[in-house]
Amino acid sequence: MVAGLTAGWAALATAELVAALVNPAAGPVTAVGGAVVDRTPAPVKDFAIRAFGENDKTALAVGILVLLALLAAALGVTALRHRRAGALGVLAFGLIGAAAALSRPDSTGPGDALPSLAGATAGAAVLYVLAGRAVRAAGAAPVEDGPAPAAPGQDRPAALAPGPSALGRGRPGTPARGRRGFLAATALTLLAATGAGALGRVLSGRRGRDAEASRAALVLPPPASPAPAVPRGARLAVPGISPFTTPNRDFYRVDTALVVPKVEADAWRLRIHGKGVPRPRVLTLGELLARPLIERDITLTCVSNEVGGPYLGNARWLGVPLAALLAECGVRPPSEGGPADQLVARSVDGMTLGSPVEDVMDGRDAMLAVGMNGEPLPFAHGFPVRMLVPGLYGYVSACKWIESIELTTFDAYSAYWVRRKWARRAPVKTQSRIDTPRPFARMPAGTVMVAGVAWAQRRGVTRVEVRVDDGPWQDADLAAQDTVDTWRQWSYRWPATPGGHTLTVRATDATGRVQPERRTGTIPDGATGHHSVFVTVT
């Protein structure tokens, strides 16, 4: 077992070192983890997001490492009897890692197979040598390497018969000396592997530090069209309510990237091409920043957000109007005779998102965002550039780390999530949430402030109502509306009486549509239902 775990560590460390030299995303844990994410059914992914939240990638990586450790231990036990079989098992897992790396959409070519293959070769060699030493330390030999067994009825060869010399201590060939040799070889292997892994981390981190330095040096120009001032009364001073503007550190993150891409600002390029693009373009970040920028408050929502869930936030974004840029390339929406009805955005990690061209070019503030709440985009939120289309769930509109925009049709191409049974088109549904009191809270009788947020991007919220237990719906007080693209805070003064109570909220949007009561899951186009919390009044 020790030999197997040591060989596994050597394999991973070697692979990470080679990946740092070739392509950090081709490391076996990242590549296999990405392949697992790509092939996981949508309901399972949805469960992972609910269960682990923004730590779902960490949970997956830990799970992969635990599984690899168990497999390495099993191969170590196997190698005590069959050294070649154990070593071949390590090589087989290397082939799996190589295949996973080559299958990734962000693969840079055949070289991405090298980290897993190099790691497996090193691990197989270590296991073969350490297994032999372990067997000698135990005073036996592996089955395929030992002498032929005696025929039935024959005495055991004298050379294998135990005797006083086999029990000596400190003499060549004795178990005690073999154990010391095994432990020394194991320690040296662990030391070398740890050094290789640390060097790989340093080399990989150097790329990240260059990107971090480019972000720190980036100065965003002022917007040609600043965001309108947030109306007085749009921010409620109720303890426990979500702040009107979500700080960057608290803004939700839901994506499939096991490792957050770090792209240097000067190296970034955006290609615009495809069907109905008579004037394709490739833009640098400098060229993008030289264009007139707009600044807008926009609420983003993830389609994986359950009723009452945390995956939404409101921020002030700075970016280039996307419709104007597409028009300069000759793109026309379908309503004006354009041949493309889908805009496919691709990120540097290979993710694809498909947005309706009509929605992108219908006058809403769709943008290529470069800033978030007064600073360059954080890496976790798409630095250097991401796409935003107000009113659509993120999986069809909010491509982070964007590097390509291709115009095509929905019939010709299905983006990443659509291939996994999510809807092609996904406008945000009218929803509301109780932020305070929290579920199962205990409070004294008297006036209790119930408060939260409601959202219906592109339509706006015109009414929020609260119900206590099975009583009548009561109007909540609405904060001032900023724009139809932002959420709206609300509050309700509840005269709480002793006992257990269920508080429920619903919203109505500007079209008159009332948030439906029936609960549905997030697949295929977002959850519906009323949010409720149970509290106890003493």
Protein backbone atom coordinates (compact mmCIF):
# COMPACT_ATOMS: atom_id res chain seq x y z
CA MET A 1 0.00 0.00 0.00
CA VAL A 2 2.80 2.43 0.89
CA ALA A 3 4.52 1.67 -2.42
CA GLY A 4 1.29 2.36 -4.30
CA LEU A 5 0.59 5.67 -2.56
CA THR A 6 4.20 6.78 -3.07
CA ALA A 7 4.01 5.88 -6.75
CA GLY A 8 0.72 7.76 -7.07
CA TRP A 9 2.23 10.86 -5.51
CA ALA A 10 5.24 10.62 -7.81
CA ALA A 11 2.95 10.28 -10.83
CA LEU A 12 0.84 13.33 -9.90
CA ALA A 13 3.88 15.48 -9.06
CA THR A 14 5.63 14.60 -12.31
CA ALA A 15 2.47 15.27 -14.28
CA GLU A 16 1.99 18.68 -12.68
CA LEU A 17 5.59 19.63 -13.45
CA VAL A 18 5.22 18.66 -17.10
CA ALA A 19 1.82 20.40 -17.28
CA ALA A 20 3.43 23.62 -16.04
CA LEU A 21 5.78 23.43 -19.01
CA VAL A 22 3.16 22.38 -21.58
CA ASN A 23 -0.31 23.57 -20.54
CA PRO A 24 -1.43 23.87 -16.88
CA ALA A 25 -4.98 22.90 -17.86
CA ALA A 26 -3.65 19.54 -19.13
CA GLY A 27 -2.72 18.33 -15.63
CA PRO A 28 -4.44 14.99 -14.91
CA VAL A 29 -6.64 16.17 -12.04
CA THR A 30 -7.84 19.21 -13.99
CA ALA A 31 -8.28 17.27 -17.24
CA VAL A 32 -10.07 14.31 -15.68
CA GLY A 33 -12.18 16.63 -13.52
CA GLY A 34 -13.19 18.65 -16.57
CA ALA A 35 -14.05 15.48 -18.47
CA VAL A 36 -16.17 14.32 -15.53
CA VAL A 37 -18.02 17.66 -15.46
CA ASP A 38 -18.62 17.51 -19.21
CA ARG A 39 -20.11 14.02 -19.01
CA THR A 40 -22.14 14.44 -15.83
CA PRO A 41 -25.92 14.51 -16.44
CA ALA A 42 -27.59 17.87 -15.85
CA PRO A 43 -29.63 16.69 -12.80
CA VAL A 44 -26.44 15.50 -11.11
CA LYS A 45 -24.72 18.83 -11.79
CA ASP A 46 -27.74 20.64 -10.43
CA PHE A 47 -27.56 18.52 -7.26
CA ALA A 48 -23.84 19.26 -6.90
CA ILE A 49 -24.50 23.00 -7.11
CA ARG A 50 -27.27 22.73 -4.50
CA ALA A 51 -25.21 20.52 -2.19
CA PHE A 52 -21.80 22.19 -2.45
CA GLY A 53 -22.59 25.64 -3.85
CA GLU A 54 -19.54 27.47 -5.13
CA ASN A 55 -17.35 24.73 -3.62
CA ASP A 56 -18.57 22.13 -6.11
CA LYS A 57 -15.28 22.21 -8.07
CA THR A 58 -13.26 21.80 -4.88
CA ALA A 59 -15.44 18.87 -3.86
CA LEU A 60 -14.90 17.26 -7.26
CA ALA A 61 -11.12 17.73 -7.13
CA VAL A 62 -10.96 16.28 -3.61
CA GLY A 63 -13.11 13.35 -4.72
CA ILE A 64 -10.79 12.65 -7.65
CA LEU A 65 -7.73 12.75 -5.40
CA VAL A 66 -9.34 10.39 -2.89
CA LEU A 67 -10.28 7.98 -5.66
CA LEU A 68 -6.76 8.12 -7.11
CA ALA A 69 -5.31 7.42 -3.66
CA LEU A 70 -7.55 4.37 -3.23
CA LEU A 71 -6.63 3.09 -6.69
CA ALA A 72 -2.94 3.70 -6.04
CA ALA A 73 -3.15 1.77 -2.78
CA ALA A 74 -4.90 -1.10 -4.55
CA LEU A 75 -2.26 -1.18 -7.28
CA GLY A 76 0.42 -1.16 -4.58
CA VAL A 77 -1.08 -4.28 -3.00
CA THR A 78 -1.32 -5.91 -6.42
CA ALA A 79 2.31 -5.14 -7.18
CA LEU A 80 3.48 -7.08 -4.11
CA ARG A 81 2.44 -10.23 -5.96
CA HIS A 82 2.57 -9.07 -9.58
CA ARG A 83 4.96 -6.18 -10.12
CA ARG A 84 4.38 -5.90 -13.83
CA ALA A 85 0.59 -5.93 -13.43
CA GLY A 86 0.77 -3.12 -10.88
CA ALA A 87 3.01 -1.01 -13.11
CA LEU A 88 0.77 -1.63 -16.13
CA GLY A 89 -2.22 -0.51 -14.06
CA VAL A 90 -0.51 2.85 -13.41
CA LEU A 91 0.21 3.22 -17.12
CA ALA A 92 -3.44 2.49 -17.91
CA PHE A 93 -4.56 5.38 -15.72
CA GLY A 94 -2.04 7.57 -17.50
CA LEU A 95 -3.71 6.76 -20.78
CA ILE A 96 -7.07 7.71 -19.29
CA GLY A 97 -5.67 11.06 -18.16
CA ALA A 98 -4.11 11.68 -21.57
CA ALA A 99 -7.40 10.89 -23.32
CA ALA A 100 -9.25 13.24 -20.96
CA ALA A 101 -6.79 16.06 -21.66
CA LEU A 102 -7.08 15.63 -25.43
CA SER A 103 -10.88 15.52 -25.24
CA ARG A 104 -11.17 18.89 -23.50
CA PRO A 105 -12.48 21.78 -25.62
CA ASP A 106 -9.51 23.93 -24.53
CA SER A 107 -6.93 21.34 -25.57
CA THR A 108 -3.95 22.95 -27.31
CA GLY A 109 -3.00 19.81 -29.24
CA PRO A 110 -1.26 16.42 -28.85
CA GLY A 111 1.18 17.89 -26.35
CA ASP A 112 -1.61 17.96 -23.77
CA ALA A 113 -1.23 14.17 -23.44
CA LEU A 114 2.35 14.52 -22.18
CA PRO A 115 1.65 15.39 -18.51
CA SER A 116 -0.46 12.30 -17.86
CA LEU A 117 1.84 10.02 -19.86
CA ALA A 118 4.98 11.34 -18.18
CA GLY A 119 3.39 11.07 -14.75
CA ALA A 120 2.19 7.52 -15.39
CA THR A 121 5.62 6.44 -16.62
CA ALA A 122 7.29 7.84 -13.51
CA GLY A 123 4.63 6.29 -11.26
CA ALA A 124 4.92 2.89 -12.92
CA ALA A 125 8.71 2.88 -12.55
CA VAL A 126 8.50 3.90 -8.89
CA LEU A 127 5.90 1.23 -8.14
CA TYR A 128 7.93 -1.48 -9.87
CA VAL A 129 11.09 -0.64 -7.91
CA LEU A 130 9.42 -0.06 -4.53
CA ALA A 131 7.29 -3.20 -4.81
CA GLY A 132 10.44 -5.24 -5.39
CA ARG A 133 12.12 -3.69 -2.36
CA ALA A 134 9.00 -4.23 -0.25
CA VAL A 135 8.91 -7.90 -1.16
CA ARG A 136 12.58 -8.35 -0.37
CA ALA A 137 12.06 -6.57 2.93
CA ALA A 138 9.39 -9.14 3.76
CA GLY A 139 11.75 -12.00 2.89
CA ALA A 140 9.79 -13.21 -0.14
CA ALA A 141 9.71 -12.58 -3.89
CA PRO A 142 6.95 -11.51 -6.28
CA VAL A 143 5.21 -14.38 -8.01
CA GLU A 144 6.49 -13.57 -11.49
CA ASP A 145 10.08 -12.97 -10.26
CA GLY A 146 10.55 -15.91 -7.83
CA PRO A 147 11.96 -19.38 -8.64
CA ALA A 148 9.68 -22.10 -9.86
CA PRO A 149 7.84 -23.91 -7.06
CA ALA A 150 8.89 -27.45 -6.18
CA ALA A 151 7.02 -30.28 -7.78
CA PRO A 152 4.50 -32.16 -5.64
CA GLY A 153 6.26 -34.48 -3.28
CA GLN A 154 9.64 -32.79 -3.59
CA ASP A 155 11.36 -31.02 -0.77
CA ARG A 156 11.56 -27.26 -0.89
CA PRO A 157 14.87 -26.02 -2.37
CA ALA A 158 17.42 -25.50 0.33
CA ALA A 159 18.04 -21.95 -0.84
CA LEU A 160 14.47 -21.03 0.09
CA ALA A 161 14.28 -22.91 3.33
CA PRO A 162 14.24 -20.65 6.36
CA GLY A 163 17.27 -20.91 8.56
CA PRO A 164 19.31 -18.99 11.04
CA SER A 165 20.89 -16.81 8.34
CA ALA A 166 17.48 -15.58 7.25
CA LEU A 167 16.81 -14.32 10.73
CA GLY A 168 20.06 -12.43 11.16
CA ARG A 169 20.13 -8.71 11.58
CA GLY A 170 22.14 -6.17 9.64
CA ARG A 171 23.54 -8.69 7.18
CA PRO A 172 23.21 -8.34 3.38
CA GLY A 173 19.94 -9.75 2.10
CA THR A 174 18.22 -9.93 5.48
CA PRO A 175 14.65 -8.57 5.99
CA ALA A 176 15.92 -5.89 8.39
CA ARG A 177 18.32 -4.50 5.80
CA GLY A 178 15.58 -4.79 3.14
CA ARG A 179 13.19 -2.79 5.26
CA ARG A 180 15.77 -0.04 5.68
CA GLY A 181 16.36 -0.02 1.94
CA PHE A 182 12.62 0.17 1.23
CA LEU A 183 12.10 3.03 3.68
CA ALA A 184 15.09 4.94 2.32
CA ALA A 185 13.91 4.52 -1.28
CA THR A 186 10.38 5.59 -0.31
CA ALA A 187 11.64 8.67 1.53
CA LEU A 188 13.87 9.72 -1.36
CA THR A 189 11.02 9.22 -3.83
CA LEU A 190 8.62 11.30 -1.73
CA LEU A 191 11.22 14.03 -1.37
CA ALA A 192 11.95 14.13 -5.10
CA ALA A 193 8.26 14.02 -6.02
CA THR A 194 7.40 16.81 -3.59
CA GLY A 195 10.19 18.92 -5.08
CA ALA A 196 8.94 18.27 -8.61
CA GLY A 197 5.38 19.14 -7.62
CA ALA A 198 6.51 22.33 -5.89
CA LEU A 199 8.51 23.35 -8.96
CA GLY A 200 5.46 22.72 -11.13
CA ARG A 201 3.38 24.92 -8.85
CA VAL A 202 5.97 27.68 -9.04
CA LEU A 203 6.09 27.54 -12.84
CA SER A 204 2.29 27.48 -13.14
CA GLY A 205 2.01 30.29 -10.62
CA ARG A 206 4.40 32.41 -12.65
CA ARG A 207 1.90 32.51 -15.49
CA GLY A 208 -0.80 33.48 -13.04
CA ARG A 209 1.33 36.21 -11.53
CA ASP A 210 1.92 37.74 -14.95
CA ALA A 211 -1.84 37.88 -15.47
CA GLU A 212 -2.34 39.34 -12.00
CA ALA A 213 0.23 42.02 -12.72
CA SER A 214 -1.51 42.92 -15.98
CA ARG A 215 -4.82 43.28 -14.13
CA ALA A 216 -3.23 45.44 -11.43
CA ALA A 217 -1.73 47.72 -14.09
CA LEU A 218 -4.97 48.08 -16.05
CA VAL A 219 -6.60 51.50 -15.81
CA LEU A 220 -10.21 51.54 -16.97
CA PRO A 221 -11.30 54.63 -18.90
CA PRO A 222 -14.33 56.60 -17.71
CA PRO A 223 -17.64 55.67 -19.30
CA ALA A 224 -18.98 57.72 -22.17
CA SER A 225 -22.44 56.87 -20.78
CA PRO A 226 -22.34 56.70 -16.96
CA ALA A 227 -24.93 54.71 -15.03
CA PRO A 228 -27.90 56.76 -13.87
CA ALA A 229 -27.77 57.63 -10.19
CA VAL A 230 -29.47 55.04 -8.00
CA PRO A 231 -32.78 56.64 -6.92
CA ARG A 232 -33.21 57.80 -3.38
CA GLY A 233 -35.06 55.08 -1.49
CA ALA A 234 -33.77 52.18 -3.63
CA ARG A 235 -31.55 50.97 -0.77
CA LEU A 236 -33.45 49.84 2.32
CA ALA A 237 -31.72 49.99 5.70
CA VAL A 238 -33.12 46.72 6.99
CA PRO A 239 -30.69 44.44 8.85
CA GLY A 240 -30.27 41.15 7.03
CA ILE A 241 -31.48 42.29 3.61
CA SER A 242 -29.23 41.78 0.56
CA PRO A 243 -27.39 45.05 -0.19
CA PHE A 244 -28.58 46.76 -3.34
CA THR A 245 -25.09 46.43 -4.86
CA THR A 246 -23.43 43.07 -4.29
CA PRO A 247 -19.72 43.41 -3.40
CA ASN A 248 -17.39 41.58 -5.79
CA ARG A 249 -16.19 39.24 -3.04
CA ASP A 250 -19.79 38.14 -2.37
CA PHE A 251 -20.97 37.86 -5.96
CA TYR A 252 -21.98 34.31 -6.82
CA ARG A 253 -19.88 32.14 -9.08
CA VAL A 254 -21.27 29.13 -10.97
CA ASP A 255 -19.24 27.68 -13.85
CA THR A 256 -17.45 24.50 -14.88
CA ALA A 257 -13.86 25.75 -14.57
CA LEU A 258 -11.93 23.63 -12.04
CA VAL A 259 -9.10 26.17 -12.26
CA VAL A 260 -9.99 29.83 -12.80
CA PRO A 261 -8.38 30.95 -16.09
CA LYS A 262 -5.85 33.76 -15.74
CA VAL A 263 -5.33 35.56 -19.02
CA GLU A 264 -2.82 38.36 -19.48
CA ALA A 265 -4.46 41.57 -20.63
CA ASP A 266 -1.97 42.14 -23.47
CA ALA A 267 -2.36 38.57 -24.76
CA TRP A 268 -6.17 38.63 -24.90
CA ARG A 269 -7.89 38.66 -28.28
CA LEU A 270 -11.56 38.55 -29.34
CA ARG A 271 -12.56 37.16 -32.71
CA ILE A 272 -15.95 38.06 -34.22
CA HIS A 273 -16.90 35.91 -37.20
CA GLY A 274 -19.47 33.51 -38.64
CA LYS A 275 -22.69 33.47 -40.61
CA GLY A 276 -23.84 36.91 -41.70
CA VAL A 277 -20.62 38.65 -40.62
CA PRO A 278 -19.33 40.36 -43.79
CA ARG A 279 -16.60 42.21 -41.87
CA PRO A 280 -15.00 39.82 -39.34
CA ARG A 281 -12.74 41.37 -36.73
CA VAL A 282 -10.09 40.47 -34.18
CA LEU A 283 -9.90 42.93 -31.29
CA THR A 284 -7.27 43.49 -28.59
CA LEU A 285 -8.16 44.73 -25.14
CA GLY A 286 -6.63 48.11 -25.96
CA GLU A 287 -8.86 48.44 -29.01
CA LEU A 288 -11.89 47.48 -26.98
CA LEU A 289 -11.10 50.03 -24.26
CA ALA A 290 -10.65 52.75 -26.87
CA ARG A 291 -14.32 52.47 -27.81
CA PRO A 292 -17.10 54.42 -26.03
CA LEU A 293 -18.00 52.53 -22.83
CA ILE A 294 -21.30 52.31 -21.01
CA GLU A 295 -21.85 51.83 -17.30
CA ARG A 296 -24.99 50.08 -16.06
CA ASP A 297 -26.44 48.44 -12.95
CA ILE A 298 -27.52 44.92 -13.95
CA THR A 299 -28.73 41.97 -11.90
CA LEU A 300 -27.41 38.57 -12.99
CA THR A 301 -29.19 35.32 -12.20
CA CYS A 302 -28.07 31.71 -12.58
CA VAL A 303 -30.56 29.21 -14.02
CA SER A 304 -29.42 26.77 -11.29
CA ASN A 305 -30.87 29.07 -8.64
CA GLU A 306 -33.53 27.23 -6.68
CA VAL A 307 -36.52 29.14 -5.31
CA GLY A 308 -35.06 31.35 -2.57
CA GLY A 309 -31.52 30.45 -3.63
CA PRO A 310 -28.34 32.57 -3.45
CA TYR A 311 -27.20 32.55 -7.08
CA LEU A 312 -28.01 36.09 -8.10
CA GLY A 313 -26.41 39.46 -7.52
CA ASN A 314 -26.52 43.08 -8.63
CA ALA A 315 -23.42 44.95 -9.76
CA ARG A 316 -22.36 48.07 -11.65
CA TRP A 317 -20.80 46.93 -14.92
CA LEU A 318 -18.58 48.84 -17.35
CA GLY A 319 -18.31 47.67 -20.92
CA VAL A 320 -18.61 48.08 -24.66
CA PRO A 321 -22.14 47.99 -26.16
CA LEU A 322 -22.28 44.67 -27.97
CA ALA A 323 -25.00 45.53 -30.49
CA ALA A 324 -23.03 48.48 -31.88
CA LEU A 325 -19.90 46.36 -32.25
CA LEU A 326 -21.80 43.64 -34.07
CA ALA A 327 -23.43 46.21 -36.35
CA GLU A 328 -19.99 47.51 -37.33
CA CYS A 329 -19.14 43.96 -38.39
CA GLY A 330 -22.24 43.94 -40.59
CA VAL A 331 -24.42 41.77 -38.37
CA ARG A 332 -28.19 42.23 -38.67
CA PRO A 333 -30.76 40.67 -36.33
CA PRO A 334 -33.24 38.16 -37.81
CA SER A 335 -36.00 40.79 -37.67
CA GLU A 336 -33.98 42.82 -40.17
CA GLY A 337 -33.16 39.92 -42.45
CA GLY A 338 -29.99 38.67 -40.76
CA PRO A 339 -29.24 34.99 -41.46
CA ALA A 340 -27.97 34.17 -37.95
CA ASP A 341 -30.32 33.79 -34.99
CA GLN A 342 -27.73 32.59 -32.45
CA LEU A 343 -24.60 34.21 -31.08
CA VAL A 344 -22.18 31.58 -29.75
CA ALA A 345 -19.71 32.96 -27.22
CA ARG A 346 -16.61 30.85 -26.46
CA SER A 347 -14.37 31.22 -23.44
CA VAL A 348 -10.67 30.46 -23.15
CA ASP A 349 -11.49 27.21 -21.33
CA GLY A 350 -13.69 26.00 -24.20
CA MET A 351 -17.10 26.75 -22.68
CA THR A 352 -19.77 27.76 -25.21
CA LEU A 353 -22.91 29.82 -24.53
CA GLY A 354 -25.62 30.52 -27.09
CA SER A 355 -27.60 33.79 -27.01
CA PRO A 356 -30.48 34.85 -29.30
CA VAL A 357 -29.14 37.49 -31.70
CA GLU A 358 -32.49 39.27 -31.58
CA ASP A 359 -32.21 39.75 -27.81
CA VAL A 360 -28.62 40.96 -28.03
CA MET A 361 -29.54 43.61 -30.61
CA ASP A 362 -33.02 44.70 -29.47
CA GLY A 363 -31.85 47.82 -27.61
CA ARG A 364 -31.09 46.38 -24.18
CA ASP A 365 -27.67 47.07 -22.63
CA ALA A 366 -25.94 43.90 -23.80
CA MET A 367 -22.22 44.46 -23.39
CA LEU A 368 -18.70 43.11 -23.35
CA ALA A 369 -17.93 43.99 -19.74
CA VAL A 370 -14.45 44.99 -18.61
CA GLY A 371 -15.26 46.42 -15.18
CA MET A 372 -17.29 45.41 -12.14
CA ASN A 373 -18.17 47.75 -9.29
CA GLY A 374 -15.47 50.26 -10.19
CA GLU A 375 -12.52 47.91 -10.84
CA PRO A 376 -11.34 45.55 -13.59
CA LEU A 377 -13.22 42.28 -13.59
CA PRO A 378 -11.99 39.84 -10.92
CA PHE A 379 -10.45 36.70 -12.42
CA ALA A 380 -13.29 34.58 -11.02
CA HIS A 381 -15.78 36.78 -12.86
CA GLY A 382 -14.17 36.80 -16.27
CA PHE A 383 -11.08 39.04 -16.48
CA PRO A 384 -10.24 40.53 -18.84
CA VAL A 385 -13.60 40.51 -20.67
CA ARG A 386 -16.97 38.82 -20.23
CA MET A 387 -20.32 39.11 -21.96
CA LEU A 388 -23.59 40.24 -20.36
CA VAL A 389 -27.11 40.26 -21.80
CA PRO A 390 -29.67 41.64 -19.31
CA GLY A 391 -32.83 39.59 -18.88
CA LEU A 392 -31.36 36.20 -19.79
CA TYR A 393 -30.09 33.55 -17.41
CA GLY A 394 -26.31 33.40 -17.25
CA TYR A 395 -25.91 30.11 -19.10
CA VAL A 396 -27.20 31.73 -22.32
CA SER A 397 -25.77 35.21 -21.86
CA ALA A 398 -22.90 35.73 -19.45
CA CYS A 399 -19.81 34.13 -21.00
CA LYS A 400 -16.73 34.71 -18.81
CA TRP A 401 -13.16 34.81 -20.17
CA ILE A 402 -14.65 35.30 -23.64
CA GLU A 403 -12.35 34.96 -26.67
CA SER A 404 -14.68 34.33 -29.61
CA ILE A 405 -18.11 35.37 -30.89
CA GLU A 406 -19.49 33.28 -33.74
CA LEU A 407 -22.76 34.05 -35.49
CA THR A 408 -24.71 30.92 -36.45
CA THR A 409 -28.18 29.40 -36.04
CA PHE A 410 -29.79 27.37 -33.29
CA ASP A 411 -30.47 24.59 -35.79
CA ALA A 412 -26.82 24.41 -36.82
CA TYR A 413 -25.20 24.40 -33.39
CA SER A 414 -26.12 23.54 -29.79
CA ALA A 415 -24.04 25.20 -27.07
CA TYR A 416 -22.64 23.38 -24.03
CA TRP A 417 -25.70 23.47 -21.77
CA VAL A 418 -28.23 22.98 -24.56
CA ARG A 419 -26.51 19.67 -25.40
CA ARG A 420 -27.22 18.76 -21.79
CA LYS A 421 -31.01 19.26 -22.09
CA TRP A 422 -31.27 22.86 -20.94
CA ALA A 423 -33.46 25.22 -22.97
CA ARG A 424 -32.10 27.16 -25.94
CA ARG A 425 -33.79 30.37 -24.86
CA ALA A 426 -34.03 31.29 -21.20
CA PRO A 427 -35.48 34.67 -20.19
CA VAL A 428 -35.31 35.32 -16.45
CA LYS A 429 -38.54 34.44 -14.63
CA THR A 430 -40.30 36.67 -12.11
CA GLN A 431 -39.08 35.66 -8.66
CA SER A 432 -38.79 36.93 -5.09
CA ARG A 433 -36.90 35.90 -1.98
CA ILE A 434 -37.14 36.44 1.78
CA ASP A 435 -33.73 37.48 3.12
CA THR A 436 -34.80 38.15 6.68
CA PRO A 437 -35.84 36.53 8.95
CA ARG A 438 -33.78 33.46 8.11
CA PRO A 439 -35.38 29.99 8.04
CA PHE A 440 -36.01 28.55 11.53
CA ALA A 441 -35.18 31.86 13.19
CA ARG A 442 -36.51 32.51 16.71
CA MET A 443 -37.70 35.98 17.70
CA PRO A 444 -39.79 37.72 20.35
CA ALA A 445 -43.38 38.69 19.68
CA GLY A 446 -44.00 42.18 18.34
CA THR A 447 -43.21 43.99 15.11
CA VAL A 448 -40.80 42.01 12.93
CA MET A 449 -39.32 43.36 9.72
CA VAL A 450 -39.67 40.84 6.88
CA ALA A 451 -37.59 41.89 3.89
CA GLY A 452 -35.91 40.66 0.75
CA VAL A 453 -35.48 41.18 -2.97
CA ALA A 454 -37.61 40.56 -6.07
CA TRP A 455 -36.51 40.51 -9.70
CA ALA A 456 -37.99 40.36 -13.19
CA GLN A 457 -35.24 41.68 -15.47
CA ARG A 458 -36.41 43.59 -18.56
CA ARG A 459 -39.91 43.90 -17.06
CA GLY A 460 -39.43 45.24 -13.57
CA VAL A 461 -41.25 44.42 -10.32
CA THR A 462 -44.40 46.39 -9.56
CA ARG A 463 -45.78 44.55 -6.54
CA VAL A 464 -44.62 42.24 -3.74
CA GLU A 465 -46.98 40.50 -1.33
CA VAL A 466 -46.41 38.56 1.89
CA ARG A 467 -48.64 35.89 3.42
CA VAL A 468 -48.49 34.64 7.01
CA ASP A 469 -49.48 30.98 7.31
CA ASP A 470 -52.70 30.53 5.30
CA GLY A 471 -53.87 34.12 5.75
CA PRO A 472 -54.56 36.69 3.04
CA TRP A 473 -51.84 38.22 0.91
CA GLN A 474 -50.65 41.58 2.24
CA ASP A 475 -48.84 44.25 0.20
CA ALA A 476 -45.21 44.80 1.11
CA ASP A 477 -43.52 48.19 0.86
CA LEU A 478 -41.38 48.46 -2.28
CA ALA A 479 -38.08 50.29 -2.40
CA ALA A 480 -37.68 52.69 -5.29
CA GLN A 481 -37.11 51.01 -8.66
CA ASP A 482 -33.67 51.61 -10.15
CA THR A 483 -34.11 50.12 -13.65
CA VAL A 484 -35.95 47.17 -15.12
CA ASP A 485 -32.60 45.33 -15.24
CA THR A 486 -32.03 45.40 -11.47
CA TRP A 487 -33.64 43.67 -8.56
CA ARG A 488 -35.95 45.57 -6.21
CA GLN A 489 -35.85 45.49 -2.43
CA TRP A 490 -39.03 45.19 -0.36
CA SER A 491 -40.07 45.11 3.30
CA TYR A 492 -43.13 44.21 5.38
CA ARG A 493 -43.84 45.11 9.01
CA TRP A 494 -45.27 41.95 10.53
CA PRO A 495 -47.09 42.03 13.88
CA ALA A 496 -45.73 38.67 15.04
CA THR A 497 -47.66 36.60 17.56
CA PRO A 498 -46.31 33.64 19.58
CA GLY A 499 -46.08 30.28 17.86
CA GLY A 500 -44.66 28.73 14.71
CA HIS A 501 -45.41 30.61 11.48
CA THR A 502 -44.72 30.22 7.78
CA LEU A 503 -43.94 33.39 5.85
CA THR A 504 -44.38 33.33 2.06
CA VAL A 505 -43.63 35.93 -0.62
CA ARG A 506 -44.67 36.47 -4.22
CA ALA A 507 -43.98 39.17 -6.82
CA THR A 508 -45.82 40.68 -9.77
CA ASP A 509 -43.97 42.11 -12.77
CA ALA A 510 -44.85 45.09 -14.97
CA THR A 511 -46.69 42.88 -17.47
CA GLY A 512 -49.14 41.92 -14.70
CA ARG A 513 -47.78 38.37 -14.42
CA VAL A 514 -47.88 37.05 -10.86
CA GLN A 515 -45.10 34.75 -9.73
CA PRO A 516 -46.57 31.22 -10.02
CA GLU A 517 -47.12 29.23 -6.83
CA ARG A 518 -46.39 25.79 -8.30
CA ARG A 519 -42.82 24.72 -7.63
CA THR A 520 -40.73 23.39 -10.48
CA GLY A 521 -37.06 22.46 -10.67
CA THR A 522 -34.37 24.43 -12.39
CA ILE A 523 -34.19 22.23 -15.51
CA PRO A 524 -34.79 23.14 -18.32
CA ASP A 525 -35.22 26.92 -18.03
CA GLY A 526 -35.27 27.99 -14.38
CA ALA A 527 -37.18 27.28 -11.19
CA THR A 528 -40.63 28.61 -10.30
CA GLY A 529 -42.61 28.74 -7.06
CA HIS A 530 -43.12 30.81 -3.93
CA HIS A 531 -40.34 31.18 -1.37
CA SER A 532 -41.31 30.42 2.23
CA VAL A 533 -39.54 30.38 5.58
CA PHE A 534 -40.67 28.90 8.88
CA VAL A 535 -39.97 30.90 12.04
CA THR A 536 -40.78 30.61 15.72
CA VAL A 537 -42.10 33.56 17.73
CA THR A 538 -41.69 33.37 21.51
